[in-house]
Amino acid sequence: MSRDRYVSPLSERYASREMQYIFSPDMKFRTWRKLWIALAETEMELGLSRNGEPVITVEQIQEMRDHAEEINYDVAREREREVRHDVMSHVYAYGQQCPKAAGIIHLGATSCYVGDNTDIIVMTQALRLVKKKLVNVMAVLGDFAEKYKAAVVESYEQYIRHGHSWCWGLLGNIVNEHEHGEEREIKFGTKHFSCGTKVFIAPAQWGDGYEKIIVIGLPRHGRRYIEIIMQSKDFAISSPNLM
């Protein structure tokens, strides 16, 4: 591994192997090739022709399928040094592997056809993976909360009681202004949060009347989330949200 070039902690430290693959060059360029195959298949189905003869044949499409997974990066890299265009470089590289289909790869398309569609496919797959992992985490938290719901713990009440509230809560915003004290002095925001700050609101506990609520948010002068108890009048609930 090279130590003299920037690497992102998102991939080096935090991302799972599945997520790393979704955003990898292999995923990107294999998706480009699948899109080029889909384009050729559609053009053939629509009867694209020249002088009454079909432009695209089954044989050409099969040749493209045979090499869809074999990205010849070295050829694409050398070509890009000449043309300074990533899409055209990979069109050329793919054509070197598919000489019969070289003339129909990317036919009639723009760079956005592979670029934008691949971005959508990558983001969709990434979100599906996030959803799957969130569901698994929620299941584990649910089992944890159920297992220890009757446990008596001193000084570590958050460890047990918040097992359920880590999953779902309400989303709210700190009110712009409110009256404070007997003299009804107008205050903007709260001691800990600025006006309009987004906070996550934990579910109410039995018997508290929902007047004092546990909230989690970024404080006025800090970069780490804090958890405090607030008066419910100090924020406005906007929607349910995943915590």
C-alpha atoms as a PDB file:
ATOM      1  CA  MET A   1       0.000   0.000   0.000  1.00  0.00           C
ATOM      2  CA  SER A   2       1.324   3.447  -0.978  1.00  0.00           C
ATOM      3  CA  ARG A   3       1.912   5.768   1.992  1.00  0.00           C
ATOM      4  CA  ASP A   4       2.616   8.946   0.012  1.00  0.00           C
ATOM      5  CA  ARG A   5      -0.896   9.445  -1.410  1.00  0.00           C
ATOM      6  CA  TYR A   6      -4.182  10.464   0.188  1.00  0.00           C
ATOM      7  CA  VAL A   7      -6.534   7.673   1.219  1.00  0.00           C
ATOM      8  CA  SER A   8     -10.021   8.208   2.552  1.00  0.00           C
ATOM      9  CA  PRO A   9     -10.879   6.985   6.066  1.00  0.00           C
ATOM     10  CA  LEU A  10     -14.352   6.269   4.687  1.00  0.00           C
ATOM     11  CA  SER A  11     -12.918   3.332   2.768  1.00  0.00           C
ATOM     12  CA  GLU A  12      -9.800   2.490   4.773  1.00  0.00           C
ATOM     13  CA  ARG A  13     -11.397   2.535   8.219  1.00  0.00           C
ATOM     14  CA  TYR A  14     -15.183   2.627   8.180  1.00  0.00           C
ATOM     15  CA  ALA A  15     -16.597   1.012   5.033  1.00  0.00           C
ATOM     16  CA  SER A  16     -17.463  -2.679   4.881  1.00  0.00           C
ATOM     17  CA  ARG A  17     -16.016  -4.886   2.161  1.00  0.00           C
ATOM     18  CA  GLU A  18     -19.422  -4.905   0.423  1.00  0.00           C
ATOM     19  CA  MET A  19     -19.605  -1.102   0.404  1.00  0.00           C
ATOM     20  CA  GLN A  20     -16.026  -0.800  -0.819  1.00  0.00           C
ATOM     21  CA  TYR A  21     -16.854  -2.996  -3.798  1.00  0.00           C
ATOM     22  CA  ILE A  22     -19.962  -0.970  -4.670  1.00  0.00           C
ATOM     23  CA  PHE A  23     -17.793   2.161  -5.063  1.00  0.00           C
ATOM     24  CA  SER A  24     -14.836   0.331  -6.608  1.00  0.00           C
ATOM     25  CA  PRO A  25     -13.436   0.689 -10.152  1.00  0.00           C
ATOM     26  CA  ASP A  26     -14.471  -2.916 -10.893  1.00  0.00           C
ATOM     27  CA  MET A  27     -18.090  -2.146 -10.071  1.00  0.00           C
ATOM     28  CA  LYS A  28     -17.984   1.101 -12.043  1.00  0.00           C
ATOM     29  CA  PHE A  29     -16.481  -0.193 -15.270  1.00  0.00           C
ATOM     30  CA  ARG A  30     -18.333  -3.509 -15.248  1.00  0.00           C
ATOM     31  CA  THR A  31     -21.528  -1.487 -14.946  1.00  0.00           C
ATOM     32  CA  TRP A  32     -20.433   0.638 -17.912  1.00  0.00           C
ATOM     33  CA  ARG A  33     -20.053  -2.521 -19.975  1.00  0.00           C
ATOM     34  CA  LYS A  34     -23.448  -3.856 -18.879  1.00  0.00           C
ATOM     35  CA  LEU A  35     -24.984  -0.542 -19.941  1.00  0.00           C
ATOM     36  CA  TRP A  36     -23.270  -0.734 -23.339  1.00  0.00           C
ATOM     37  CA  ILE A  37     -24.625  -4.266 -23.798  1.00  0.00           C
ATOM     38  CA  ALA A  38     -28.129  -3.088 -22.851  1.00  0.00           C
ATOM     39  CA  LEU A  39     -27.810  -0.200 -25.320  1.00  0.00           C
ATOM     40  CA  ALA A  40     -26.761  -2.513 -28.159  1.00  0.00           C
ATOM     41  CA  GLU A  41     -29.533  -4.995 -27.373  1.00  0.00           C
ATOM     42  CA  THR A  42     -32.138  -2.220 -27.446  1.00  0.00           C
ATOM     43  CA  GLU A  43     -30.820  -0.733 -30.691  1.00  0.00           C
ATOM     44  CA  MET A  44     -30.909  -4.177 -32.313  1.00  0.00           C
ATOM     45  CA  GLU A  45     -34.435  -4.773 -31.002  1.00  0.00           C
ATOM     46  CA  LEU A  46     -35.565  -1.444 -32.474  1.00  0.00           C
ATOM     47  CA  GLY A  47     -34.145  -2.458 -35.835  1.00  0.00           C
ATOM     48  CA  LEU A  48     -31.269   0.011 -36.180  1.00  0.00           C
ATOM     49  CA  SER A  49     -30.051  -0.381 -39.760  1.00  0.00           C
ATOM     50  CA  ARG A  50     -27.832   1.143 -42.459  1.00  0.00           C
ATOM     51  CA  ASN A  51     -28.781   0.782 -46.119  1.00  0.00           C
ATOM     52  CA  GLY A  52     -31.350  -1.813 -45.176  1.00  0.00           C
ATOM     53  CA  GLU A  53     -28.838  -3.970 -43.287  1.00  0.00           C
ATOM     54  CA  PRO A  54     -28.880  -4.399 -39.478  1.00  0.00           C
ATOM     55  CA  VAL A  55     -26.096  -2.450 -37.769  1.00  0.00           C
ATOM     56  CA  ILE A  56     -25.946  -4.714 -34.723  1.00  0.00           C
ATOM     57  CA  THR A  57     -25.893  -8.498 -34.716  1.00  0.00           C
ATOM     58  CA  VAL A  58     -26.384 -11.192 -32.102  1.00  0.00           C
ATOM     59  CA  GLU A  59     -22.769 -12.254 -32.626  1.00  0.00           C
ATOM     60  CA  GLN A  60     -21.488  -8.788 -31.696  1.00  0.00           C
ATOM     61  CA  ILE A  61     -23.590  -8.657 -28.542  1.00  0.00           C
ATOM     62  CA  GLN A  62     -22.416 -12.111 -27.496  1.00  0.00           C
ATOM     63  CA  GLU A  63     -18.811 -11.006 -27.937  1.00  0.00           C
ATOM     64  CA  MET A  64     -19.502  -8.044 -25.645  1.00  0.00           C
ATOM     65  CA  ARG A  65     -21.078 -10.338 -23.045  1.00  0.00           C
ATOM     66  CA  ASP A  66     -18.081 -12.663 -23.146  1.00  0.00           C
ATOM     67  CA  HIS A  67     -15.739  -9.853 -22.034  1.00  0.00           C
ATOM     68  CA  ALA A  68     -18.053  -7.828 -19.797  1.00  0.00           C
ATOM     69  CA  GLU A  69     -16.243  -8.782 -16.578  1.00  0.00           C
ATOM     70  CA  GLU A  70     -12.652  -8.632 -17.878  1.00  0.00           C
ATOM     71  CA  ILE A  71     -11.626  -5.006 -17.557  1.00  0.00           C
ATOM     72  CA  ASN A  72      -8.313  -4.425 -19.324  1.00  0.00           C
ATOM     73  CA  TYR A  73      -7.226  -1.489 -17.165  1.00  0.00           C
ATOM     74  CA  ASP A  74      -3.732  -1.278 -18.631  1.00  0.00           C
ATOM     75  CA  VAL A  75      -5.086  -0.641 -22.146  1.00  0.00           C
ATOM     76  CA  ALA A  76      -7.613   1.937 -20.895  1.00  0.00           C
ATOM     77  CA  ARG A  77      -4.914   3.690 -18.852  1.00  0.00           C
ATOM     78  CA  GLU A  78      -2.552   3.989 -21.792  1.00  0.00           C
ATOM     79  CA  ARG A  79      -5.333   5.218 -24.062  1.00  0.00           C
ATOM     80  CA  GLU A  80      -6.416   7.855 -21.566  1.00  0.00           C
ATOM     81  CA  ARG A  81      -2.909   9.323 -21.554  1.00  0.00           C
ATOM     82  CA  GLU A  82      -3.482  10.066 -25.232  1.00  0.00           C
ATOM     83  CA  VAL A  83      -7.128  11.155 -25.413  1.00  0.00           C
ATOM     84  CA  ARG A  84      -7.674  12.491 -21.873  1.00  0.00           C
ATOM     85  CA  HIS A  85     -11.181  11.043 -21.760  1.00  0.00           C
ATOM     86  CA  ASP A  86     -12.150   8.210 -19.428  1.00  0.00           C
ATOM     87  CA  VAL A  87     -15.257   7.053 -21.313  1.00  0.00           C
ATOM     88  CA  MET A  88     -13.611   7.022 -24.732  1.00  0.00           C
ATOM     89  CA  SER A  89     -10.595   5.253 -23.243  1.00  0.00           C
ATOM     90  CA  HIS A  90     -12.773   2.420 -21.946  1.00  0.00           C
ATOM     91  CA  VAL A  91     -14.743   2.270 -25.200  1.00  0.00           C
ATOM     92  CA  TYR A  92     -11.421   1.745 -26.946  1.00  0.00           C
ATOM     93  CA  ALA A  93     -10.227  -0.836 -24.396  1.00  0.00           C
ATOM     94  CA  TYR A  94     -13.479  -2.779 -24.657  1.00  0.00           C
ATOM     95  CA  GLY A  95     -13.201  -2.680 -28.438  1.00  0.00           C
ATOM     96  CA  GLN A  96      -9.732  -4.214 -28.277  1.00  0.00           C
ATOM     97  CA  GLN A  97     -11.284  -7.236 -26.566  1.00  0.00           C
ATOM     98  CA  CYS A  98     -14.313  -7.254 -28.886  1.00  0.00           C
ATOM     99  CA  PRO A  99     -13.033  -6.500 -32.411  1.00  0.00           C
ATOM    100  CA  LYS A 100     -16.308  -7.535 -34.086  1.00  0.00           C
ATOM    101  CA  ALA A 101     -18.324  -5.239 -31.803  1.00  0.00           C
ATOM    102  CA  ALA A 102     -15.819  -2.359 -31.586  1.00  0.00           C
ATOM    103  CA  GLY A 103     -17.853  -0.145 -33.913  1.00  0.00           C
ATOM    104  CA  ILE A 104     -21.126  -0.448 -31.998  1.00  0.00           C
ATOM    105  CA  ILE A 105     -19.897   0.042 -28.414  1.00  0.00           C
ATOM    106  CA  HIS A 106     -21.416   3.267 -27.058  1.00  0.00           C
ATOM    107  CA  LEU A 107     -23.135   3.826 -30.416  1.00  0.00           C
ATOM    108  CA  GLY A 108     -25.329   6.940 -30.348  1.00  0.00           C
ATOM    109  CA  ALA A 109     -24.760   7.608 -26.633  1.00  0.00           C
ATOM    110  CA  THR A 110     -23.089  10.379 -24.652  1.00  0.00           C
ATOM    111  CA  SER A 111     -20.715  10.057 -21.722  1.00  0.00           C
ATOM    112  CA  CYS A 112     -23.598  10.810 -19.369  1.00  0.00           C
ATOM    113  CA  TYR A 113     -25.291   7.592 -20.477  1.00  0.00           C
ATOM    114  CA  VAL A 114     -22.723   5.478 -18.644  1.00  0.00           C
ATOM    115  CA  GLY A 115     -21.615   8.079 -16.096  1.00  0.00           C
ATOM    116  CA  ASP A 116     -24.978   9.194 -14.725  1.00  0.00           C
ATOM    117  CA  ASN A 117     -26.693   5.813 -14.917  1.00  0.00           C
ATOM    118  CA  THR A 118     -23.785   4.139 -13.146  1.00  0.00           C
ATOM    119  CA  ASP A 119     -23.930   6.764 -10.390  1.00  0.00           C
ATOM    120  CA  ILE A 120     -27.624   5.999  -9.898  1.00  0.00           C
ATOM    121  CA  ILE A 121     -27.000   2.244  -9.830  1.00  0.00           C
ATOM    122  CA  VAL A 122     -24.114   2.616  -7.357  1.00  0.00           C
ATOM    123  CA  MET A 123     -26.079   4.876  -5.010  1.00  0.00           C
ATOM    124  CA  THR A 124     -29.102   2.586  -5.161  1.00  0.00           C
ATOM    125  CA  GLN A 125     -27.067  -0.477  -4.274  1.00  0.00           C
ATOM    126  CA  ALA A 126     -25.280   1.409  -1.503  1.00  0.00           C
ATOM    127  CA  LEU A 127     -28.590   2.527   0.031  1.00  0.00           C
ATOM    128  CA  ARG A 128     -29.930  -1.018  -0.150  1.00  0.00           C
ATOM    129  CA  LEU A 129     -26.861  -2.226   1.725  1.00  0.00           C
ATOM    130  CA  VAL A 130     -27.284   0.508   4.355  1.00  0.00           C
ATOM    131  CA  LYS A 131     -30.934  -0.475   4.752  1.00  0.00           C
ATOM    132  CA  LYS A 132     -30.015  -4.136   5.228  1.00  0.00           C
ATOM    133  CA  LYS A 133     -27.390  -3.311   7.845  1.00  0.00           C
ATOM    134  CA  LEU A 134     -29.732  -0.906   9.676  1.00  0.00           C
ATOM    135  CA  VAL A 135     -32.420  -3.560   9.860  1.00  0.00           C
ATOM    136  CA  ASN A 136     -29.867  -6.003  11.278  1.00  0.00           C
ATOM    137  CA  VAL A 137     -28.680  -3.461  13.858  1.00  0.00           C
ATOM    138  CA  MET A 138     -32.259  -2.725  14.895  1.00  0.00           C
ATOM    139  CA  ALA A 139     -32.913  -6.441  15.302  1.00  0.00           C
ATOM    140  CA  VAL A 140     -29.841  -6.814  17.531  1.00  0.00           C
ATOM    141  CA  LEU A 141     -30.842  -3.773  19.605  1.00  0.00           C
ATOM    142  CA  GLY A 142     -34.364  -5.134  19.915  1.00  0.00           C
ATOM    143  CA  ASP A 143     -33.063  -8.467  21.203  1.00  0.00           C
ATOM    144  CA  PHE A 144     -30.754  -6.619  23.596  1.00  0.00           C
ATOM    145  CA  ALA A 145     -33.558  -4.456  24.998  1.00  0.00           C
ATOM    146  CA  GLU A 146     -35.887  -7.435  25.362  1.00  0.00           C
ATOM    147  CA  LYS A 147     -33.234  -9.512  27.097  1.00  0.00           C
ATOM    148  CA  TYR A 148     -32.326  -6.867  29.682  1.00  0.00           C
ATOM    149  CA  LYS A 149     -35.641  -5.026  30.062  1.00  0.00           C
ATOM    150  CA  ALA A 150     -36.106  -6.258  33.655  1.00  0.00           C
ATOM    151  CA  ALA A 151     -32.476  -5.805  34.729  1.00  0.00           C
ATOM    152  CA  VAL A 152     -31.822  -3.533  37.714  1.00  0.00           C
ATOM    153  CA  VAL A 153     -28.750  -1.428  37.021  1.00  0.00           C
ATOM    154  CA  GLU A 154     -27.409   1.483  39.049  1.00  0.00           C
ATOM    155  CA  SER A 155     -25.368   4.304  37.472  1.00  0.00           C
ATOM    156  CA  TYR A 156     -25.658   2.758  34.002  1.00  0.00           C
ATOM    157  CA  GLU A 157     -29.320   3.462  33.292  1.00  0.00           C
ATOM    158  CA  GLN A 158     -28.610   4.725  29.789  1.00  0.00           C
ATOM    159  CA  TYR A 159     -27.007   1.404  28.875  1.00  0.00           C
ATOM    160  CA  ILE A 160     -30.290  -0.430  29.416  1.00  0.00           C
ATOM    161  CA  ARG A 161     -33.058   2.129  29.023  1.00  0.00           C
ATOM    162  CA  HIS A 162     -31.814   3.479  25.713  1.00  0.00           C
ATOM    163  CA  GLY A 163     -31.671   0.073  24.075  1.00  0.00           C
ATOM    164  CA  HIS A 164     -35.063   0.748  22.500  1.00  0.00           C
ATOM    165  CA  SER A 165     -34.701   4.472  21.834  1.00  0.00           C
ATOM    166  CA  TRP A 166     -31.520   4.075  19.771  1.00  0.00           C
ATOM    167  CA  CYS A 167     -33.725   2.786  16.976  1.00  0.00           C
ATOM    168  CA  TRP A 168     -36.654   5.158  16.605  1.00  0.00           C
ATOM    169  CA  GLY A 169     -37.447   8.615  17.868  1.00  0.00           C
ATOM    170  CA  LEU A 170     -38.908  11.937  16.834  1.00  0.00           C
ATOM    171  CA  LEU A 171     -37.121  14.653  14.936  1.00  0.00           C
ATOM    172  CA  GLY A 172     -37.565  18.221  16.125  1.00  0.00           C
ATOM    173  CA  ASN A 173     -36.149  21.725  15.963  1.00  0.00           C
ATOM    174  CA  ILE A 174     -35.258  24.097  18.802  1.00  0.00           C
ATOM    175  CA  VAL A 175     -37.753  26.977  18.908  1.00  0.00           C
ATOM    176  CA  ASN A 176     -36.573  30.384  17.721  1.00  0.00           C
ATOM    177  CA  GLU A 177     -37.661  32.201  20.871  1.00  0.00           C
ATOM    178  CA  HIS A 178     -39.420  31.440  24.136  1.00  0.00           C
ATOM    179  CA  GLU A 179     -40.309  33.072  27.453  1.00  0.00           C
ATOM    180  CA  HIS A 180     -38.033  32.397  30.398  1.00  0.00           C
ATOM    181  CA  GLY A 181     -38.483  32.905  34.127  1.00  0.00           C
ATOM    182  CA  GLU A 182     -41.063  34.816  36.111  1.00  0.00           C
ATOM    183  CA  GLU A 183     -40.392  38.016  34.191  1.00  0.00           C
ATOM    184  CA  ARG A 184     -41.060  36.158  30.938  1.00  0.00           C
ATOM    185  CA  GLU A 185     -37.782  37.270  29.438  1.00  0.00           C
ATOM    186  CA  ILE A 186     -37.498  36.407  25.730  1.00  0.00           C
ATOM    187  CA  LYS A 187     -34.714  33.930  25.063  1.00  0.00           C
ATOM    188  CA  PHE A 188     -33.448  32.824  21.663  1.00  0.00           C
ATOM    189  CA  GLY A 189     -32.734  29.123  21.406  1.00  0.00           C
ATOM    190  CA  THR A 190     -31.645  27.461  24.629  1.00  0.00           C
ATOM    191  CA  LYS A 191     -28.552  27.366  26.807  1.00  0.00           C
ATOM    192  CA  HIS A 192     -27.172  24.412  24.866  1.00  0.00           C
ATOM    193  CA  PHE A 193     -28.704  24.758  21.389  1.00  0.00           C
ATOM    194  CA  SER A 194     -29.033  27.567  18.848  1.00  0.00           C
ATOM    195  CA  CYS A 195     -32.359  28.516  17.249  1.00  0.00           C
ATOM    196  CA  GLY A 196     -33.572  25.926  14.762  1.00  0.00           C
ATOM    197  CA  THR A 197     -31.055  23.256  15.750  1.00  0.00           C
ATOM    198  CA  LYS A 198     -32.217  19.778  14.691  1.00  0.00           C
ATOM    199  CA  VAL A 199     -32.499  17.369  17.620  1.00  0.00           C
ATOM    200  CA  PHE A 200     -33.487  13.729  17.952  1.00  0.00           C
ATOM    201  CA  ILE A 201     -36.084  13.140  20.632  1.00  0.00           C
ATOM    202  CA  ALA A 202     -36.093   9.897  22.591  1.00  0.00           C
ATOM    203  CA  PRO A 203     -39.463   8.282  23.385  1.00  0.00           C
ATOM    204  CA  ALA A 204     -41.120   9.456  26.584  1.00  0.00           C
ATOM    205  CA  GLN A 205     -40.826   7.308  29.703  1.00  0.00           C
ATOM    206  CA  TRP A 206     -43.811   6.173  31.745  1.00  0.00           C
ATOM    207  CA  GLY A 207     -45.022   8.838  34.157  1.00  0.00           C
ATOM    208  CA  ASP A 208     -43.011  11.795  32.888  1.00  0.00           C
ATOM    209  CA  GLY A 209     -46.007  13.390  31.161  1.00  0.00           C
ATOM    210  CA  TYR A 210     -43.850  14.256  28.163  1.00  0.00           C
ATOM    211  CA  GLU A 211     -42.943  17.593  29.771  1.00  0.00           C
ATOM    212  CA  LYS A 212     -39.238  16.829  30.110  1.00  0.00           C
ATOM    213  CA  ILE A 213     -37.696  14.925  27.223  1.00  0.00           C
ATOM    214  CA  ILE A 214     -34.305  13.452  26.420  1.00  0.00           C
ATOM    215  CA  VAL A 215     -32.881  15.000  23.248  1.00  0.00           C
ATOM    216  CA  ILE A 216     -29.682  14.433  21.272  1.00  0.00           C
ATOM    217  CA  GLY A 217     -28.109  17.170  19.147  1.00  0.00           C
ATOM    218  CA  LEU A 218     -25.063  19.300  18.316  1.00  0.00           C
ATOM    219  CA  PRO A 219     -24.555  22.059  20.935  1.00  0.00           C
ATOM    220  CA  ARG A 220     -23.825  25.719  20.252  1.00  0.00           C
ATOM    221  CA  HIS A 221     -20.079  25.473  20.757  1.00  0.00           C
ATOM    222  CA  GLY A 222     -19.210  21.869  20.122  1.00  0.00           C
ATOM    223  CA  ARG A 223     -18.686  19.267  17.434  1.00  0.00           C
ATOM    224  CA  ARG A 224     -19.819  16.235  19.406  1.00  0.00           C
ATOM    225  CA  TYR A 225     -23.441  15.268  19.954  1.00  0.00           C
ATOM    226  CA  ILE A 226     -24.716  15.669  23.481  1.00  0.00           C
ATOM    227  CA  GLU A 227     -27.671  14.097  25.279  1.00  0.00           C
ATOM    228  CA  ILE A 228     -29.606  16.242  27.749  1.00  0.00           C
ATOM    229  CA  ILE A 229     -33.053  16.529  29.313  1.00  0.00           C
ATOM    230  CA  MET A 230     -35.108  19.507  28.045  1.00  0.00           C
ATOM    231  CA  GLN A 231     -38.520  21.031  28.493  1.00  0.00           C
ATOM    232  CA  SER A 232     -40.797  19.899  25.665  1.00  0.00           C
ATOM    233  CA  LYS A 233     -41.897  23.516  25.099  1.00  0.00           C
ATOM    234  CA  ASP A 234     -38.400  24.381  23.922  1.00  0.00           C
ATOM    235  CA  PHE A 235     -38.651  22.472  20.646  1.00  0.00           C
ATOM    236  CA  ALA A 236     -41.169  21.694  17.931  1.00  0.00           C
ATOM    237  CA  ILE A 237     -41.589  18.104  16.713  1.00  0.00           C
ATOM    238  CA  SER A 238     -41.384  17.786  12.941  1.00  0.00           C
ATOM    239  CA  SER A 239     -41.460  14.071  12.059  1.00  0.00           C
ATOM    240  CA  PRO A 240     -40.619  10.518  13.150  1.00  0.00           C
ATOM    241  CA  ASN A 241     -37.109   9.564  12.158  1.00  0.00           C
ATOM    242  CA  LEU A 242     -34.524   6.806  12.426  1.00  0.00           C
ATOM    243  CA  MET A 243     -32.052   7.551  15.197  1.00  0.00           C
END
